[in-house]
């Protein structure tokens, strides 16, 4: 997502060692934070985002460039003829 604005509640996907997973953005993290025995060095200049997996319910924190918007609806695009 790079420089695009990420918002709380947005549905996204990201890569894990076991493949892709998806979930919702829980919050923007802008300070040093611990999650799962790991310290995340987020800041106002380098924010990261807490996400919650739709598959497992587990939470993680990722850099914005690791997150991709995921369409929740079916369709919306033009049909090919």
PDB file of N, CA and C in Angstrom:
ATOM      1  N   UNK A   1       0.814  -1.193   0.000  1.00  0.00           N
ATOM      2  CA  UNK A   1       0.000   0.000   0.000  1.00  0.00           C
ATOM      3  C   UNK A   1       0.852   1.248   0.000  1.00  0.00           C
ATOM      4  N   UNK A   2       2.092   1.089   0.361  1.00  0.00           N
ATOM      5  CA  UNK A   2       3.017   2.210   0.268  1.00  0.00           C
ATOM      6  C   UNK A   2       2.517   3.468   0.927  1.00  0.00           C
ATOM      7  N   UNK A   3       2.401   4.561   0.145  1.00  0.00           N
ATOM      8  CA  UNK A   3       2.018   5.857   0.676  1.00  0.00           C
ATOM      9  C   UNK A   3       0.500   6.038   0.763  1.00  0.00           C
ATOM     10  N   UNK A   4      -0.277   5.056   0.339  1.00  0.00           N
ATOM     11  CA  UNK A   4      -1.728   5.172   0.405  1.00  0.00           C
ATOM     12  C   UNK A   4      -2.186   5.166   1.857  1.00  0.00           C
ATOM     13  N   UNK A   5      -3.268   5.864   2.127  1.00  0.00           N
ATOM     14  CA  UNK A   5      -3.822   5.973   3.474  1.00  0.00           C
ATOM     15  C   UNK A   5      -4.504   4.660   3.853  1.00  0.00           C
ATOM     16  N   UNK A   6      -4.113   4.099   4.968  1.00  0.00           N
ATOM     17  CA  UNK A   6      -4.732   2.894   5.489  1.00  0.00           C
ATOM     18  C   UNK A   6      -5.625   3.312   6.642  1.00  0.00           C
ATOM     19  N   UNK A   7      -6.820   2.757   6.690  1.00  0.00           N
ATOM     20  CA  UNK A   7      -7.778   3.162   7.722  1.00  0.00           C
ATOM     21  C   UNK A   7      -8.211   1.976   8.588  1.00  0.00           C
ATOM     22  N   UNK A   8      -8.555   2.279   9.823  1.00  0.00           N
ATOM     23  CA  UNK A   8      -9.087   1.287  10.742  1.00  0.00           C
ATOM     24  C   UNK A   8     -10.330   0.660  10.112  1.00  0.00           C
ATOM     25  N   UNK A   9     -10.434  -0.654  10.201  1.00  0.00           N
ATOM     26  CA  UNK A   9     -11.586  -1.361   9.658  1.00  0.00           C
ATOM     27  C   UNK A   9     -11.416  -1.824   8.228  1.00  0.00           C
ATOM     28  N   UNK A  10     -10.379  -1.339   7.560  1.00  0.00           N
ATOM     29  CA  UNK A  10     -10.137  -1.712   6.166  1.00  0.00           C
ATOM     30  C   UNK A  10      -9.734  -3.186   6.080  1.00  0.00           C
ATOM     31  N   UNK A  11     -10.232  -3.888   5.069  1.00  0.00           N
ATOM     32  CA  UNK A  11      -9.916  -5.301   4.875  1.00  0.00           C
ATOM     33  C   UNK A  11      -8.675  -5.397   3.990  1.00  0.00           C
ATOM     34  N   UNK A  12      -7.649  -6.099   4.481  1.00  0.00           N
ATOM     35  CA  UNK A  12      -6.359  -6.185   3.792  1.00  0.00           C
ATOM     36  C   UNK A  12      -5.856  -7.626   3.776  1.00  0.00           C
ATOM     37  N   UNK A  13      -4.842  -7.879   2.957  1.00  0.00           N
ATOM     38  CA  UNK A  13      -4.159  -9.169   2.988  1.00  0.00           C
ATOM     39  C   UNK A  13      -2.669  -8.915   3.095  1.00  0.00           C
ATOM     40  N   UNK A  14      -1.941  -9.949   3.591  1.00  0.00           N
ATOM     41  CA  UNK A  14      -0.491  -9.852   3.744  1.00  0.00           C
ATOM     42  C   UNK A  14       0.087 -11.255   3.654  1.00  0.00           C
ATOM     43  N   UNK A  15       1.380 -11.320   3.417  1.00  0.00           N
ATOM     44  CA  UNK A  15       2.068 -12.601   3.304  1.00  0.00           C
ATOM     45  C   UNK A  15       2.559 -13.056   4.674  1.00  0.00           C
ATOM     46  N   UNK A  16       2.494 -14.375   4.904  1.00  0.00           N
ATOM     47  CA  UNK A  16       3.016 -14.993   6.111  1.00  0.00           C
ATOM     48  C   UNK A  16       3.918 -16.141   5.676  1.00  0.00           C
ATOM     49  N   UNK A  17       4.676 -16.724   6.590  1.00  0.00           N
ATOM     50  CA  UNK A  17       5.497 -17.878   6.204  1.00  0.00           C
ATOM     51  C   UNK A  17       4.664 -19.047   5.664  1.00  0.00           C
ATOM     52  N   UNK A  18       3.384 -19.083   5.997  1.00  0.00           N
ATOM     53  CA  UNK A  18       2.501 -20.161   5.545  1.00  0.00           C
ATOM     54  C   UNK A  18       1.622 -19.749   4.373  1.00  0.00           C
ATOM     55  N   UNK A  19       1.912 -18.631   3.755  1.00  0.00           N
ATOM     56  CA  UNK A  19       1.119 -18.167   2.624  1.00  0.00           C
ATOM     57  C   UNK A  19       0.403 -16.870   2.930  1.00  0.00           C
ATOM     58  N   UNK A  20      -0.560 -16.523   2.092  1.00  0.00           N
ATOM     59  CA  UNK A  20      -1.299 -15.276   2.283  1.00  0.00           C
ATOM     60  C   UNK A  20      -2.382 -15.449   3.333  1.00  0.00           C
ATOM     61  N   UNK A  21      -2.653 -14.373   4.035  1.00  0.00           N
ATOM     62  CA  UNK A  21      -3.790 -14.342   4.947  1.00  0.00           C
ATOM     63  C   UNK A  21      -4.437 -12.970   4.837  1.00  0.00           C
ATOM     64  N   UNK A  22      -5.617 -12.842   5.392  1.00  0.00           N
ATOM     65  CA  UNK A  22      -6.331 -11.570   5.316  1.00  0.00           C
ATOM     66  C   UNK A  22      -7.014 -11.275   6.630  1.00  0.00           C
ATOM     67  N   UNK A  23      -7.351 -10.009   6.790  1.00  0.00           N
ATOM     68  CA  UNK A  23      -8.020  -9.586   8.004  1.00  0.00           C
ATOM     69  C   UNK A  23      -8.296  -8.099   7.961  1.00  0.00           C
ATOM     70  N   UNK A  24      -8.613  -7.547   9.112  1.00  0.00           N
ATOM     71  CA  UNK A  24      -8.992  -6.141   9.206  1.00  0.00           C
ATOM     72  C   UNK A  24      -7.967  -5.337   9.994  1.00  0.00           C
ATOM     73  N   UNK A  25      -7.785  -4.090   9.577  1.00  0.00           N
ATOM     74  CA  UNK A  25      -6.898  -3.172  10.283  1.00  0.00           C
ATOM     75  C   UNK A  25      -7.577  -2.779  11.590  1.00  0.00           C
ATOM     76  N   UNK A  26      -6.869  -2.975  12.696  1.00  0.00           N
ATOM     77  CA  UNK A  26      -7.401  -2.655  14.022  1.00  0.00           C
ATOM     78  C   UNK A  26      -7.042  -1.238  14.460  1.00  0.00           C
ATOM     79  N   UNK A  27      -5.780  -0.839  14.182  1.00  0.00           N
ATOM     80  CA  UNK A  27      -5.345   0.496  14.578  1.00  0.00           C
ATOM     81  C   UNK A  27      -3.996   0.850  13.957  1.00  0.00           C
ATOM     82  N   UNK A  28      -3.721   2.141  13.909  1.00  0.00           N
ATOM     83  CA  UNK A  28      -2.430   2.665  13.473  1.00  0.00           C
ATOM     84  C   UNK A  28      -1.542   2.721  14.712  1.00  0.00           C
ATOM     85  N   UNK A  29      -0.328   2.189  14.613  1.00  0.00           N
ATOM     86  CA  UNK A  29       0.605   2.163  15.740  1.00  0.00           C
ATOM     87  C   UNK A  29       1.708   3.184  15.460  1.00  0.00           C
ATOM     88  N   UNK A  30       1.886   4.137  16.387  1.00  0.00           N
ATOM     89  CA  UNK A  30       2.859   5.215  16.168  1.00  0.00           C
ATOM     90  C   UNK A  30       3.878   5.338  17.294  1.00  0.00           C
ATOM     91  N   UNK A  31       3.995   4.294  18.107  1.00  0.00           N
ATOM     92  CA  UNK A  31       5.008   4.305  19.166  1.00  0.00           C
ATOM     93  C   UNK A  31       5.531   2.883  19.374  1.00  0.00           C
ATOM     94  N   UNK A  32       6.668   2.798  20.037  1.00  0.00           N
ATOM     95  CA  UNK A  32       7.283   1.498  20.322  1.00  0.00           C
ATOM     96  C   UNK A  32       6.257   0.635  21.066  1.00  0.00           C
ATOM     97  N   UNK A  33       6.036  -0.586  20.556  1.00  0.00           N
ATOM     98  CA  UNK A  33       4.982  -1.456  21.085  1.00  0.00           C
ATOM     99  C   UNK A  33       5.464  -2.896  21.127  1.00  0.00           C
ATOM    100  N   UNK A  34       4.997  -3.646  22.125  1.00  0.00           N
ATOM    101  CA  UNK A  34       5.299  -5.080  22.188  1.00  0.00           C
ATOM    102  C   UNK A  34       4.061  -5.869  21.778  1.00  0.00           C
ATOM    103  N   UNK A  35       4.290  -6.893  20.971  1.00  0.00           N
ATOM    104  CA  UNK A  35       3.221  -7.809  20.571  1.00  0.00           C
ATOM    105  C   UNK A  35       3.856  -9.186  20.398  1.00  0.00           C
ATOM    106  N   UNK A  36       3.258 -10.187  21.014  1.00  0.00           N
ATOM    107  CA  UNK A  36       3.761 -11.563  20.938  1.00  0.00           C
ATOM    108  C   UNK A  36       5.266 -11.661  21.218  1.00  0.00           C
ATOM    109  N   UNK A  37       5.722 -11.087  22.295  1.00  0.00           N
ATOM    110  CA  UNK A  37       7.134 -11.133  22.712  1.00  0.00           C
ATOM    111  C   UNK A  37       8.074 -10.471  21.701  1.00  0.00           C
ATOM    112  N   UNK A  38       7.546  -9.606  20.864  1.00  0.00           N
ATOM    113  CA  UNK A  38       8.333  -8.915  19.841  1.00  0.00           C
ATOM    114  C   UNK A  38       8.113  -7.415  20.000  1.00  0.00           C
ATOM    115  N   UNK A  39       9.180  -6.635  19.932  1.00  0.00           N
ATOM    116  CA  UNK A  39       9.056  -5.184  20.024  1.00  0.00           C
ATOM    117  C   UNK A  39       9.017  -4.583  18.632  1.00  0.00           C
ATOM    118  N   UNK A  40       8.014  -3.750  18.399  1.00  0.00           N
ATOM    119  CA  UNK A  40       7.819  -3.072  17.118  1.00  0.00           C
ATOM    120  C   UNK A  40       8.262  -1.626  17.293  1.00  0.00           C
ATOM    121  N   UNK A  41       9.177  -1.170  16.448  1.00  0.00           N
ATOM    122  CA  UNK A  41       9.728   0.184  16.556  1.00  0.00           C
ATOM    123  C   UNK A  41       8.954   1.161  15.667  1.00  0.00           C
ATOM    124  N   UNK A  42       7.656   1.256  15.887  1.00  0.00           N
ATOM    125  CA  UNK A  42       6.829   2.198  15.122  1.00  0.00           C
ATOM    126  C   UNK A  42       7.021   3.608  15.676  1.00  0.00           C
ATOM    127  N   UNK A  43       6.745   4.615  14.830  1.00  0.00           N
ATOM    128  CA  UNK A  43       6.831   6.015  15.255  1.00  0.00           C
ATOM    129  C   UNK A  43       5.867   6.836  14.394  1.00  0.00           C
ATOM    130  N   UNK A  44       5.731   8.104  14.718  1.00  0.00           N
ATOM    131  CA  UNK A  44       4.899   9.002  13.901  1.00  0.00           C
ATOM    132  C   UNK A  44       5.433   9.066  12.470  1.00  0.00           C
ATOM    133  N   UNK A  45       6.771   9.048  12.316  1.00  0.00           N
ATOM    134  CA  UNK A  45       7.387   9.119  10.995  1.00  0.00           C
ATOM    135  C   UNK A  45       7.370   7.771  10.270  1.00  0.00           C
ATOM    136  N   UNK A  46       7.265   6.686  11.025  1.00  0.00           N
ATOM    137  CA  UNK A  46       7.268   5.333  10.457  1.00  0.00           C
ATOM    138  C   UNK A  46       6.157   4.504  11.122  1.00  0.00           C
ATOM    139  N   UNK A  47       4.891   4.848  10.827  1.00  0.00           N
ATOM    140  CA  UNK A  47       3.785   4.132  11.464  1.00  0.00           C
ATOM    141  C   UNK A  47       3.663   2.705  10.934  1.00  0.00           C
ATOM    142  N   UNK A  48       3.103   1.852  11.771  1.00  0.00           N
ATOM    143  CA  UNK A  48       2.783   0.485  11.372  1.00  0.00           C
ATOM    144  C   UNK A  48       1.330   0.240  11.741  1.00  0.00           C
ATOM    145  N   UNK A  49       0.781  -0.903  11.327  1.00  0.00           N
ATOM    146  CA  UNK A  49      -0.636  -1.146  11.513  1.00  0.00           C
ATOM    147  C   UNK A  49      -0.900  -2.493  12.152  1.00  0.00           C
ATOM    148  N   UNK A  50      -1.732  -2.468  13.209  1.00  0.00           N
ATOM    149  CA  UNK A  50      -2.148  -3.711  13.855  1.00  0.00           C
ATOM    150  C   UNK A  50      -3.296  -4.287  13.038  1.00  0.00           C
ATOM    151  N   UNK A  51      -3.170  -5.564  12.693  1.00  0.00           N
ATOM    152  CA  UNK A  51      -4.197  -6.251  11.922  1.00  0.00           C
ATOM    153  C   UNK A  51      -4.635  -7.500  12.687  1.00  0.00           C
ATOM    154  N   UNK A  52      -5.859  -7.924  12.430  1.00  0.00           N
ATOM    155  CA  UNK A  52      -6.391  -9.130  13.053  1.00  0.00           C
ATOM    156  C   UNK A  52      -6.792 -10.094  11.951  1.00  0.00           C
ATOM    157  N   UNK A  53      -6.238 -11.295  11.976  1.00  0.00           N
ATOM    158  CA  UNK A  53      -6.492 -12.294  10.950  1.00  0.00           C
ATOM    159  C   UNK A  53      -7.941 -12.768  10.986  1.00  0.00           C
ATOM    160  N   UNK A  54      -8.578 -12.809   9.818  1.00  0.00           N
ATOM    161  CA  UNK A  54      -9.938 -13.338   9.696  1.00  0.00           C
ATOM    162  C   UNK A  54      -9.936 -14.849   9.904  1.00  0.00           C
ATOM    163  N   UNK A  55      -8.821 -15.496   9.588  1.00  0.00           N
ATOM    164  CA  UNK A  55      -8.736 -16.961   9.673  1.00  0.00           C
ATOM    165  C   UNK A  55      -8.505 -17.451  11.096  1.00  0.00           C
ATOM    166  N   UNK A  56      -7.588 -16.795  11.825  1.00  0.00           N
ATOM    167  CA  UNK A  56      -7.183 -17.303  13.140  1.00  0.00           C
ATOM    168  C   UNK A  56      -7.586 -16.401  14.302  1.00  0.00           C
ATOM    169  N   UNK A  57      -7.889 -15.138  14.021  1.00  0.00           N
ATOM    170  CA  UNK A  57      -8.195 -14.191  15.086  1.00  0.00           C
ATOM    171  C   UNK A  57      -6.956 -13.624  15.760  1.00  0.00           C
ATOM    172  N   UNK A  58      -5.786 -14.057  15.309  1.00  0.00           N
ATOM    173  CA  UNK A  58      -4.533 -13.570  15.901  1.00  0.00           C
ATOM    174  C   UNK A  58      -4.215 -12.172  15.393  1.00  0.00           C
ATOM    175  N   UNK A  59      -3.520 -11.393  16.228  1.00  0.00           N
ATOM    176  CA  UNK A  59      -3.127 -10.041  15.863  1.00  0.00           C
ATOM    177  C   UNK A  59      -1.650  -9.987  15.516  1.00  0.00           C
ATOM    178  N   UNK A  60      -1.315  -9.069  14.621  1.00  0.00           N
ATOM    179  CA  UNK A  60       0.071  -8.833  14.211  1.00  0.00           C
ATOM    180  C   UNK A  60       0.195  -7.363  13.850  1.00  0.00           C
ATOM    181  N   UNK A  61       1.432  -6.885  13.764  1.00  0.00           N
ATOM    182  CA  UNK A  61       1.685  -5.505  13.356  1.00  0.00           C
ATOM    183  C   UNK A  61       2.585  -5.533  12.131  1.00  0.00           C
ATOM    184  N   UNK A  62       2.187  -4.773  11.090  1.00  0.00           N
ATOM    185  CA  UNK A  62       2.920  -4.763   9.833  1.00  0.00           C
ATOM    186  C   UNK A  62       3.170  -3.343   9.331  1.00  0.00           C
ATOM    187  N   UNK A  63       4.243  -3.203   8.555  1.00  0.00           N
ATOM    188  CA  UNK A  63       4.502  -1.951   7.841  1.00  0.00           C
ATOM    189  C   UNK A  63       3.439  -1.798   6.754  1.00  0.00           C
ATOM    190  N   UNK A  64       3.088  -0.566   6.393  1.00  0.00           N
ATOM    191  CA  UNK A  64       2.031  -0.373   5.395  1.00  0.00           C
ATOM    192  C   UNK A  64       2.348  -0.996   4.035  1.00  0.00           C
ATOM    193  N   UNK A  65       3.622  -1.043   3.650  1.00  0.00           N
ATOM    194  CA  UNK A  65       3.960  -1.609   2.347  1.00  0.00           C
ATOM    195  C   UNK A  65       3.776  -3.133   2.304  1.00  0.00           C
ATOM    196  N   UNK A  66       3.577  -3.759   3.458  1.00  0.00           N
ATOM    197  CA  UNK A  66       3.329  -5.203   3.510  1.00  0.00           C
ATOM    198  C   UNK A  66       1.844  -5.537   3.362  1.00  0.00           C
ATOM    199  N   UNK A  67       0.987  -4.517   3.419  1.00  0.00           N
ATOM    200  CA  UNK A  67      -0.459  -4.726   3.371  1.00  0.00           C
ATOM    201  C   UNK A  67      -1.022  -4.364   2.006  1.00  0.00           C
ATOM    202  N   UNK A  68      -1.974  -5.183   1.540  1.00  0.00           N
ATOM    203  CA  UNK A  68      -2.656  -4.928   0.270  1.00  0.00           C
ATOM    204  C   UNK A  68      -4.155  -4.913   0.517  1.00  0.00           C
ATOM    205  N   UNK A  69      -4.832  -3.917  -0.058  1.00  0.00           N
ATOM    206  CA  UNK A  69      -6.295  -3.867   0.065  1.00  0.00           C
ATOM    207  C   UNK A  69      -6.911  -5.109  -0.552  1.00  0.00           C
ATOM    208  N   UNK A  70      -7.919  -5.628   0.092  1.00  0.00           N
ATOM    209  CA  UNK A  70      -8.603  -6.826  -0.371  1.00  0.00           C
ATOM    210  C   UNK A  70     -10.062  -6.480  -0.580  1.00  0.00           C
ATOM    211  N   UNK A  71     -10.598  -6.770  -1.765  1.00  0.00           N
ATOM    212  CA  UNK A  71     -12.016  -6.530  -2.025  1.00  0.00           C
ATOM    213  C   UNK A  71     -12.846  -7.518  -1.225  1.00  0.00           C
ATOM    214  N   UNK A  72     -13.881  -7.013  -0.556  1.00  0.00           N
ATOM    215  CA  UNK A  72     -14.747  -7.881   0.212  1.00  0.00           C
ATOM    216  C   UNK A  72     -15.963  -8.310  -0.599  1.00  0.00           C
ATOM    217  N   UNK A  73     -16.388  -7.493  -1.512  1.00  0.00           N
ATOM    218  CA  UNK A  73     -17.590  -7.812  -2.283  1.00  0.00           C
ATOM    219  C   UNK A  73     -17.279  -8.681  -3.475  1.00  0.00           C
ATOM    220  N   UNK A  74     -18.323  -9.231  -4.044  1.00  0.00           N
ATOM    221  CA  UNK A  74     -18.149 -10.019  -5.256  1.00  0.00           C
ATOM    222  C   UNK A  74     -18.499  -9.166  -6.447  1.00  0.00           C
ATOM    223  N   UNK A  75     -17.552  -8.895  -7.295  1.00  0.00           N
ATOM    224  CA  UNK A  75     -17.842  -8.101  -8.481  1.00  0.00           C
ATOM    225  C   UNK A  75     -17.414  -6.679  -8.341  1.00  0.00           C
ATOM    226  N   UNK A  76     -18.192  -5.817  -8.957  1.00  0.00           N
ATOM    227  CA  UNK A  76     -17.843  -4.400  -8.946  1.00  0.00           C
ATOM    228  C   UNK A  76     -17.087  -4.006 -10.193  1.00  0.00           C
ATOM    229  N   UNK A  77     -16.450  -4.964 -10.831  1.00  0.00           N
ATOM    230  CA  UNK A  77     -15.707  -4.688 -12.041  1.00  0.00           C
ATOM    231  C   UNK A  77     -16.574  -4.871 -13.270  1.00  0.00           C
ATOM    232  N   UNK A  78     -16.071  -4.438 -14.416  1.00  0.00           N
ATOM    233  CA  UNK A  78     -16.819  -4.606 -15.656  1.00  0.00           C
ATOM    234  C   UNK A  78     -16.699  -6.033 -16.159  1.00  0.00           C
ATOM    235  N   UNK A  79     -17.800  -6.525 -16.728  1.00  0.00           N
ATOM    236  CA  UNK A  79     -17.796  -7.851 -17.302  1.00  0.00           C
ATOM    237  C   UNK A  79     -17.163  -7.808 -18.681  1.00  0.00           C
ATOM    238  N   UNK A  80     -16.391  -8.836 -18.993  1.00  0.00           N
ATOM    239  CA  UNK A  80     -15.801  -8.916 -20.318  1.00  0.00           C
ATOM    240  C   UNK A  80     -16.752  -9.624 -21.247  1.00  0.00           C
ATOM    241  N   UNK A  81     -16.736  -9.180 -22.511  1.00  0.00           N
ATOM    242  CA  UNK A  81     -17.602  -9.819 -23.514  1.00  0.00           C
ATOM    243  C   UNK A  81     -16.840 -10.757 -24.366  1.00  0.00           C
TER     244      UNK A  81
END
